[in-house]
Amino acid sequence: MKGEDHIVTDDRPRPMEVLREARAQLAELTGMTAESVSSFAQTEDGWSLEVEVLELERVPDTMSLMGTYQVELDPDGQLTGYRRVRRYERGRADGQRGGGR
């Protein structure tokens, strides 16, 4: 029948589902709290995110140690790998990274 070749069933997760699942998977694997996602992109191989994680809580809170983790997920939103790319104190401005901000 005409038009049948254009029928697409898309079972891929929505971006917000990928974000939530990535944070949950990273927290489960590391035992650390994933606080926010600072970068998110769909790639040829799935998804790539940068997640800000609380690594060491200190008093005052501005002295807590944070980590930025590069997280890779497959097209279905399942975590395939992660690595820490940066560690910093919560209260410090970012003077080492480019980007114009």
Protein backbone atom coordinates (compact mmCIF):
# COMPACT_ATOMS: atom_id res chain seq x y z
CA MET A 1 0.00 0.00 0.00
CA LYS A 2 1.06 3.52 -0.69
CA GLY A 3 2.86 5.24 2.18
CA GLU A 4 3.65 2.12 4.22
CA ASP A 5 7.38 2.58 3.72
CA HIS A 6 7.11 5.87 5.67
CA ILE A 7 5.67 4.33 8.83
CA VAL A 8 8.18 4.69 11.63
CA THR A 9 7.83 3.22 15.08
CA ASP A 10 10.20 5.11 17.32
CA ASP A 11 10.78 3.32 20.61
CA ARG A 12 13.79 5.48 21.49
CA PRO A 13 13.58 7.31 24.82
CA ARG A 14 12.83 11.01 24.90
CA PRO A 15 15.64 13.40 25.87
CA MET A 16 14.21 14.08 29.35
CA GLU A 17 13.96 10.33 29.99
CA VAL A 18 17.61 9.96 28.94
CA LEU A 19 18.64 12.77 31.32
CA ARG A 20 16.80 11.27 34.28
CA GLU A 21 18.05 7.77 33.60
CA ALA A 22 21.65 8.90 33.09
CA ARG A 23 21.67 10.72 36.44
CA ALA A 24 20.15 7.71 38.19
CA GLN A 25 22.57 5.23 36.61
CA LEU A 26 25.63 7.37 37.41
CA ALA A 27 24.49 7.86 41.02
CA GLU A 28 23.93 4.11 41.41
CA LEU A 29 27.36 3.25 40.00
CA THR A 30 29.35 5.88 41.89
CA GLY A 31 27.32 6.21 45.08
CA MET A 32 27.48 9.99 44.65
CA THR A 33 24.68 12.51 44.14
CA ALA A 34 24.26 13.70 40.56
CA GLU A 35 23.22 17.32 41.03
CA SER A 36 22.82 18.68 37.51
CA VAL A 37 23.49 18.11 33.83
CA SER A 38 25.68 20.85 32.35
CA SER A 39 25.89 19.48 28.80
CA PHE A 40 23.71 17.13 26.77
CA ALA A 41 23.94 16.04 23.12
CA GLN A 42 22.75 13.26 20.88
CA THR A 43 25.62 11.58 19.05
CA GLU A 44 25.97 9.00 16.28
CA ASP A 45 26.45 6.33 18.99
CA GLY A 46 23.72 7.48 21.38
CA TRP A 47 24.00 10.31 23.91
CA SER A 48 26.79 12.26 25.59
CA LEU A 49 26.35 14.23 28.82
CA GLU A 50 28.39 16.12 31.37
CA VAL A 51 26.99 15.62 34.85
CA GLU A 52 27.92 17.65 37.93
CA VAL A 53 28.34 15.38 40.95
CA LEU A 54 28.80 16.12 44.66
CA GLU A 55 31.97 14.17 45.51
CA LEU A 56 32.74 15.40 49.03
CA GLU A 57 30.38 17.43 51.19
CA ARG A 58 32.05 20.06 53.36
CA VAL A 59 31.04 22.89 55.67
CA PRO A 60 30.53 25.53 54.49
CA ASP A 61 28.78 24.17 51.40
CA THR A 62 30.84 26.42 49.11
CA MET A 63 33.90 24.33 50.01
CA SER A 64 32.30 21.03 48.94
CA LEU A 65 34.15 19.17 46.19
CA MET A 66 32.30 18.73 42.92
CA GLY A 67 33.17 16.61 39.91
CA THR A 68 32.20 16.88 36.27
CA TYR A 69 31.65 13.47 34.71
CA GLN A 70 31.52 12.74 30.99
CA VAL A 71 28.78 10.13 30.57
CA GLU A 72 28.16 8.12 27.41
CA LEU A 73 24.90 6.30 26.73
CA ASP A 74 23.72 4.05 23.94
CA PRO A 75 20.72 5.03 21.74
CA ASP A 76 18.36 3.40 24.27
CA GLY A 77 19.71 5.55 27.12
CA GLN A 78 21.74 2.83 28.84
CA LEU A 79 25.03 3.97 30.33
CA THR A 80 28.01 2.55 28.44
CA GLY A 81 30.79 4.49 30.15
CA TYR A 82 31.77 7.45 32.30
CA ARG A 83 34.87 9.28 33.48
CA ARG A 84 35.63 12.28 35.66
CA VAL A 85 36.92 15.16 33.56
CA ARG A 86 37.14 17.86 36.22
CA ARG A 87 37.16 18.36 40.00
CA TYR A 88 36.53 21.70 41.71
CA GLU A 89 35.25 23.43 44.84
CA ARG A 90 31.57 24.33 44.58
CA GLY A 91 32.19 28.02 45.31
CA ARG A 92 34.93 28.54 42.72
CA ALA A 93 34.39 30.24 39.39
CA ASP A 94 35.55 28.31 36.35
CA GLY A 95 38.63 30.09 35.02
CA GLN A 96 40.27 27.17 33.21
CA ARG A 97 37.70 26.29 30.57
CA GLY A 98 37.09 28.17 27.35
CA GLY A 99 33.77 28.97 25.83
CA GLY A 100 33.40 32.70 26.37
CA ARG A 101 31.28 32.60 29.53
